[in-house]
PDB file of N, CA and C in Angstrom:
ATOM      1  N   MET A   1    -137.557  62.554 -55.538  1.00  0.00           N
ATOM      2  CA  MET A   1    -136.173  62.990 -55.509  1.00  0.00           C
ATOM      3  C   MET A   1    -135.292  61.765 -55.223  1.00  0.00           C
ATOM      4  N   SER A   2    -134.277  61.589 -56.027  1.00  0.00           N
ATOM      5  CA  SER A   2    -133.374  60.456 -55.836  1.00  0.00           C
ATOM      6  C   SER A   2    -132.450  60.703 -54.642  1.00  0.00           C
ATOM      7  N   HIS A   3    -131.817  59.644 -54.198  1.00  0.00           N
ATOM      8  CA  HIS A   3    -130.879  59.774 -53.079  1.00  0.00           C
ATOM      9  C   HIS A   3    -129.745  60.726 -53.449  1.00  0.00           C
ATOM     10  N   LEU A   4    -129.241  60.614 -54.679  1.00  0.00           N
ATOM     11  CA  LEU A   4    -128.171  61.510 -55.119  1.00  0.00           C
ATOM     12  C   LEU A   4    -128.637  62.961 -55.076  1.00  0.00           C
ATOM     13  N   ASP A   5    -129.855  63.232 -55.518  1.00  0.00           N
ATOM     14  CA  ASP A   5    -130.388  64.598 -55.466  1.00  0.00           C
ATOM     15  C   ASP A   5    -130.457  65.106 -54.026  1.00  0.00           C
ATOM     16  N   GLU A   6    -130.839  64.226 -53.103  1.00  0.00           N
ATOM     17  CA  GLU A   6    -130.890  64.607 -51.689  1.00  0.00           C
ATOM     18  C   GLU A   6    -129.493  64.932 -51.167  1.00  0.00           C
ATOM     19  N   VAL A   7    -128.517  64.126 -51.549  1.00  0.00           N
ATOM     20  CA  VAL A   7    -127.137  64.360 -51.117  1.00  0.00           C
ATOM     21  C   VAL A   7    -126.621  65.678 -51.688  1.00  0.00           C
ATOM     22  N   ILE A   8    -126.890  65.919 -52.959  1.00  0.00           N
ATOM     23  CA  ILE A   8    -126.458  67.173 -53.586  1.00  0.00           C
ATOM     24  C   ILE A   8    -127.073  68.358 -52.858  1.00  0.00           C
ATOM     25  N   ALA A   9    -128.340  68.264 -52.504  1.00  0.00           N
ATOM     26  CA  ALA A   9    -129.007  69.344 -51.763  1.00  0.00           C
ATOM     27  C   ALA A   9    -128.361  69.548 -50.399  1.00  0.00           C
ATOM     28  N   ARG A  10    -127.995  68.452 -49.725  1.00  0.00           N
ATOM     29  CA  ARG A  10    -127.333  68.569 -48.419  1.00  0.00           C
ATOM     30  C   ARG A  10    -125.959  69.213 -48.557  1.00  0.00           C
ATOM     31  N   VAL A  11    -125.217  68.837 -49.591  1.00  0.00           N
ATOM     32  CA  VAL A  11    -123.901  69.436 -49.824  1.00  0.00           C
ATOM     33  C   VAL A  11    -124.066  70.915 -50.159  1.00  0.00           C
ATOM     34  N   ASP A  12    -125.028  71.238 -51.018  1.00  0.00           N
ATOM     35  CA  ASP A  12    -125.291  72.643 -51.347  1.00  0.00           C
ATOM     36  C   ASP A  12    -125.597  73.451 -50.091  1.00  0.00           C
ATOM     37  N   ALA A  13    -126.426  72.892 -49.210  1.00  0.00           N
ATOM     38  CA  ALA A  13    -126.794  73.586 -47.971  1.00  0.00           C
ATOM     39  C   ALA A  13    -125.578  73.768 -47.071  1.00  0.00           C
ATOM     40  N   ALA A  14    -124.739  72.752 -46.961  1.00  0.00           N
ATOM     41  CA  ALA A  14    -123.539  72.854 -46.126  1.00  0.00           C
ATOM     42  C   ALA A  14    -122.577  73.893 -46.682  1.00  0.00           C
ATOM     43  N   ILE A  15    -122.449  73.936 -47.999  1.00  0.00           N
ATOM     44  CA  ILE A  15    -121.575  74.928 -48.631  1.00  0.00           C
ATOM     45  C   ILE A  15    -122.116  76.332 -48.388  1.00  0.00           C
ATOM     46  N   GLU A  16    -123.406  76.506 -48.563  1.00  0.00           N
ATOM     47  CA  GLU A  16    -124.043  77.812 -48.353  1.00  0.00           C
ATOM     48  C   GLU A  16    -123.887  78.261 -46.906  1.00  0.00           C
ATOM     49  N   GLU A  17    -124.036  77.324 -45.988  1.00  0.00           N
ATOM     50  CA  GLU A  17    -123.961  77.624 -44.559  1.00  0.00           C
ATOM     51  C   GLU A  17    -122.532  77.973 -44.121  1.00  0.00           C
ATOM     52  N   SER A  18    -121.551  77.362 -44.757  1.00  0.00           N
ATOM     53  CA  SER A  18    -120.129  77.588 -44.463  1.00  0.00           C
ATOM     54  C   SER A  18    -119.758  77.333 -43.006  1.00  0.00           C
ATOM     55  N   VAL A  19    -120.372  76.321 -42.399  1.00  0.00           N
ATOM     56  CA  VAL A  19    -120.020  75.921 -41.039  1.00  0.00           C
ATOM     57  C   VAL A  19    -119.147  74.673 -41.153  1.00  0.00           C
ATOM     58  N   ILE A  20    -117.893  74.810 -40.789  1.00  0.00           N
ATOM     59  CA  ILE A  20    -116.928  73.735 -40.990  1.00  0.00           C
ATOM     60  C   ILE A  20    -117.332  72.458 -40.265  1.00  0.00           C
ATOM     61  N   ALA A  21    -117.878  72.575 -39.067  1.00  0.00           N
ATOM     62  CA  ALA A  21    -118.294  71.380 -38.320  1.00  0.00           C
ATOM     63  C   ALA A  21    -119.345  70.593 -39.098  1.00  0.00           C
ATOM     64  N   HIS A  22    -120.267  71.295 -39.736  1.00  0.00           N
ATOM     65  CA  HIS A  22    -121.303  70.613 -40.521  1.00  0.00           C
ATOM     66  C   HIS A  22    -120.712  69.977 -41.775  1.00  0.00           C
ATOM     67  N   MET A  23    -119.733  70.645 -42.374  1.00  0.00           N
ATOM     68  CA  MET A  23    -119.073  70.071 -43.547  1.00  0.00           C
ATOM     69  C   MET A  23    -118.316  68.805 -43.160  1.00  0.00           C
ATOM     70  N   ASN A  24    -117.657  68.827 -42.000  1.00  0.00           N
ATOM     71  CA  ASN A  24    -116.945  67.632 -41.533  1.00  0.00           C
ATOM     72  C   ASN A  24    -117.905  66.473 -41.322  1.00  0.00           C
ATOM     73  N   GLU A  25    -119.039  66.750 -40.687  1.00  0.00           N
ATOM     74  CA  GLU A  25    -120.045  65.709 -40.457  1.00  0.00           C
ATOM     75  C   GLU A  25    -120.545  65.139 -41.782  1.00  0.00           C
ATOM     76  N   LEU A  26    -120.749  66.014 -42.741  1.00  0.00           N
ATOM     77  CA  LEU A  26    -121.230  65.573 -44.051  1.00  0.00           C
ATOM     78  C   LEU A  26    -120.171  64.739 -44.769  1.00  0.00           C
ATOM     79  N   LEU A  27    -118.916  65.134 -44.677  1.00  0.00           N
ATOM     80  CA  LEU A  27    -117.842  64.349 -45.293  1.00  0.00           C
ATOM     81  C   LEU A  27    -117.796  62.937 -44.713  1.00  0.00           C
ATOM     82  N   ILE A  28    -117.966  62.825 -43.406  1.00  0.00           N
ATOM     83  CA  ILE A  28    -117.983  61.509 -42.761  1.00  0.00           C
ATOM     84  C   ILE A  28    -119.182  60.700 -43.245  1.00  0.00           C
ATOM     85  N   ALA A  29    -120.347  61.336 -43.280  1.00  0.00           N
ATOM     86  CA  ALA A  29    -121.557  60.645 -43.732  1.00  0.00           C
ATOM     87  C   ALA A  29    -121.414  60.181 -45.180  1.00  0.00           C
ATOM     88  N   LEU A  30    -120.822  61.010 -46.014  1.00  0.00           N
ATOM     89  CA  LEU A  30    -120.649  60.637 -47.418  1.00  0.00           C
ATOM     90  C   LEU A  30    -119.724  59.433 -47.560  1.00  0.00           C
ATOM     91  N   SER A  31    -118.682  59.368 -46.757  1.00  0.00           N
ATOM     92  CA  SER A  31    -117.742  58.253 -46.893  1.00  0.00           C
ATOM     93  C   SER A  31    -118.378  56.919 -46.514  1.00  0.00           C
ATOM     94  N   ASP A  32    -119.452  56.960 -45.719  1.00  0.00           N
ATOM     95  CA  ASP A  32    -120.150  55.738 -45.307  1.00  0.00           C
ATOM     96  C   ASP A  32    -121.414  55.463 -46.120  1.00  0.00           C
ATOM     97  N   ASP A  33    -121.710  56.281 -47.115  1.00  0.00           N
ATOM     98  CA  ASP A  33    -122.965  56.171 -47.863  1.00  0.00           C
ATOM     99  C   ASP A  33    -122.860  55.105 -48.951  1.00  0.00           C
ATOM    100  N   ALA A  34    -123.400  53.942 -48.657  1.00  0.00           N
ATOM    101  CA  ALA A  34    -123.331  52.813 -49.593  1.00  0.00           C
ATOM    102  C   ALA A  34    -124.300  52.956 -50.766  1.00  0.00           C
ATOM    103  N   GLU A  35    -125.249  53.887 -50.678  1.00  0.00           N
ATOM    104  CA  GLU A  35    -126.227  54.062 -51.762  1.00  0.00           C
ATOM    105  C   GLU A  35    -125.655  54.831 -52.946  1.00  0.00           C
ATOM    106  N   LEU A  36    -124.560  55.537 -52.727  1.00  0.00           N
ATOM    107  CA  LEU A  36    -123.942  56.307 -53.805  1.00  0.00           C
ATOM    108  C   LEU A  36    -122.857  55.488 -54.482  1.00  0.00           C
ATOM    109  N   SER A  37    -122.677  55.737 -55.764  1.00  0.00           N
ATOM    110  CA  SER A  37    -121.550  55.114 -56.454  1.00  0.00           C
ATOM    111  C   SER A  37    -120.268  55.763 -55.944  1.00  0.00           C
ATOM    112  N   ARG A  38    -119.164  55.092 -56.148  1.00  0.00           N
ATOM    113  CA  ARG A  38    -117.872  55.645 -55.725  1.00  0.00           C
ATOM    114  C   ARG A  38    -117.648  57.017 -56.368  1.00  0.00           C
ATOM    115  N   GLU A  39    -117.969  57.136 -57.649  1.00  0.00           N
ATOM    116  CA  GLU A  39    -117.765  58.401 -58.367  1.00  0.00           C
ATOM    117  C   GLU A  39    -118.645  59.517 -57.800  1.00  0.00           C
ATOM    118  N   ASP A  40    -119.919  59.226 -57.543  1.00  0.00           N
ATOM    119  CA  ASP A  40    -120.820  60.242 -56.986  1.00  0.00           C
ATOM    120  C   ASP A  40    -120.373  60.662 -55.588  1.00  0.00           C
ATOM    121  N   ARG A  41    -119.963  59.681 -54.791  1.00  0.00           N
ATOM    122  CA  ARG A  41    -119.493  59.972 -53.435  1.00  0.00           C
ATOM    123  C   ARG A  41    -118.257  60.873 -53.493  1.00  0.00           C
ATOM    124  N   TYR A  42    -117.311  60.533 -54.361  1.00  0.00           N
ATOM    125  CA  TYR A  42    -116.087  61.313 -54.515  1.00  0.00           C
ATOM    126  C   TYR A  42    -116.400  62.737 -54.978  1.00  0.00           C
ATOM    127  N   THR A  43    -117.284  62.871 -55.952  1.00  0.00           N
ATOM    128  CA  THR A  43    -117.643  64.194 -56.470  1.00  0.00           C
ATOM    129  C   THR A  43    -118.216  65.074 -55.372  1.00  0.00           C
ATOM    130  N   GLN A  44    -119.131  64.534 -54.578  1.00  0.00           N
ATOM    131  CA  GLN A  44    -119.752  65.333 -53.515  1.00  0.00           C
ATOM    132  C   GLN A  44    -118.755  65.629 -52.395  1.00  0.00           C
ATOM    133  N   GLN A  45    -117.883  64.681 -52.081  1.00  0.00           N
ATOM    134  CA  GLN A  45    -116.856  64.940 -51.077  1.00  0.00           C
ATOM    135  C   GLN A  45    -115.915  66.040 -51.553  1.00  0.00           C
ATOM    136  N   GLN A  46    -115.575  66.033 -52.813  1.00  0.00           N
ATOM    137  CA  GLN A  46    -114.679  67.058 -53.350  1.00  0.00           C
ATOM    138  C   GLN A  46    -115.324  68.434 -53.323  1.00  0.00           C
ATOM    139  N   ARG A  47    -116.609  68.504 -53.632  1.00  0.00           N
ATOM    140  CA  ARG A  47    -117.314  69.790 -53.557  1.00  0.00           C
ATOM    141  C   ARG A  47    -117.253  70.340 -52.142  1.00  0.00           C
ATOM    142  N   CYS A  48    -117.525  69.471 -51.183  1.00  0.00           N
ATOM    143  CA  CYS A  48    -117.547  69.875 -49.782  1.00  0.00           C
ATOM    144  C   CYS A  48    -116.128  70.210 -49.306  1.00  0.00           C
ATOM    145  N   ALA A  49    -115.166  69.370 -49.634  1.00  0.00           N
ATOM    146  CA  ALA A  49    -113.788  69.584 -49.196  1.00  0.00           C
ATOM    147  C   ALA A  49    -113.203  70.844 -49.821  1.00  0.00           C
ATOM    148  N   HIS A  50    -113.520  71.101 -51.078  1.00  0.00           N
ATOM    149  CA  HIS A  50    -113.015  72.308 -51.735  1.00  0.00           C
ATOM    150  C   HIS A  50    -113.507  73.549 -50.998  1.00  0.00           C
ATOM    151  N   ARG A  51    -114.763  73.560 -50.646  1.00  0.00           N
ATOM    152  CA  ARG A  51    -115.326  74.699 -49.916  1.00  0.00           C
ATOM    153  C   ARG A  51    -114.712  74.794 -48.524  1.00  0.00           C
ATOM    154  N   TYR A  52    -114.502  73.641 -47.880  1.00  0.00           N
ATOM    155  CA  TYR A  52    -113.885  73.597 -46.554  1.00  0.00           C
ATOM    156  C   TYR A  52    -112.495  74.227 -46.621  1.00  0.00           C
ATOM    157  N   CYS A  53    -111.696  73.834 -47.596  1.00  0.00           N
ATOM    158  CA  CYS A  53    -110.339  74.377 -47.733  1.00  0.00           C
ATOM    159  C   CYS A  53    -110.371  75.862 -48.065  1.00  0.00           C
ATOM    160  N   SER A  54    -111.310  76.275 -48.903  1.00  0.00           N
ATOM    161  CA  SER A  54    -111.436  77.692 -49.253  1.00  0.00           C
ATOM    162  C   SER A  54    -111.780  78.527 -48.035  1.00  0.00           C
ATOM    163  N   SER A  55    -112.675  78.030 -47.194  1.00  0.00           N
ATOM    164  CA  SER A  55    -113.081  78.801 -46.017  1.00  0.00           C
ATOM    165  C   SER A  55    -111.961  78.845 -44.989  1.00  0.00           C
ATOM    166  N   ARG A  56    -111.146  77.804 -44.899  1.00  0.00           N
ATOM    167  CA  ARG A  56    -110.025  77.803 -43.953  1.00  0.00           C
ATOM    168  C   ARG A  56    -108.947  78.777 -44.401  1.00  0.00           C
ATOM    169  N   SER A  57    -108.709  78.896 -45.687  1.00  0.00           N
ATOM    170  CA  SER A  57    -107.660  79.791 -46.171  1.00  0.00           C
ATOM    171  C   SER A  57    -108.057  81.256 -46.026  1.00  0.00           C
ATOM    172  N   GLN A  58    -109.356  81.519 -45.912  1.00  0.00           N
ATOM    173  CA  GLN A  58    -109.824  82.892 -45.732  1.00  0.00           C
ATOM    174  C   GLN A  58    -109.837  83.296 -44.269  1.00  0.00           C
ATOM    175  N   ALA A  59    -109.710  82.336 -43.368  1.00  0.00           N
ATOM    176  CA  ALA A  59    -109.770  82.619 -41.924  1.00  0.00           C
ATOM    177  C   ALA A  59    -108.494  83.260 -41.435  1.00  0.00           C
TER     178      ALA A  59
END
């Protein structure tokens, strides 16, 4: 499994879990992840942030 695949799995798990604290931690980790390209990092951050914003608007 590539690093990107691992990151995607972590983002999927955070989205499924819908725990905002875990999404925040993941967003921070993604911003510091030098193994990902800028585009891959941005894509995964957007997936996580979109879910974060969706869950906040439903609260």
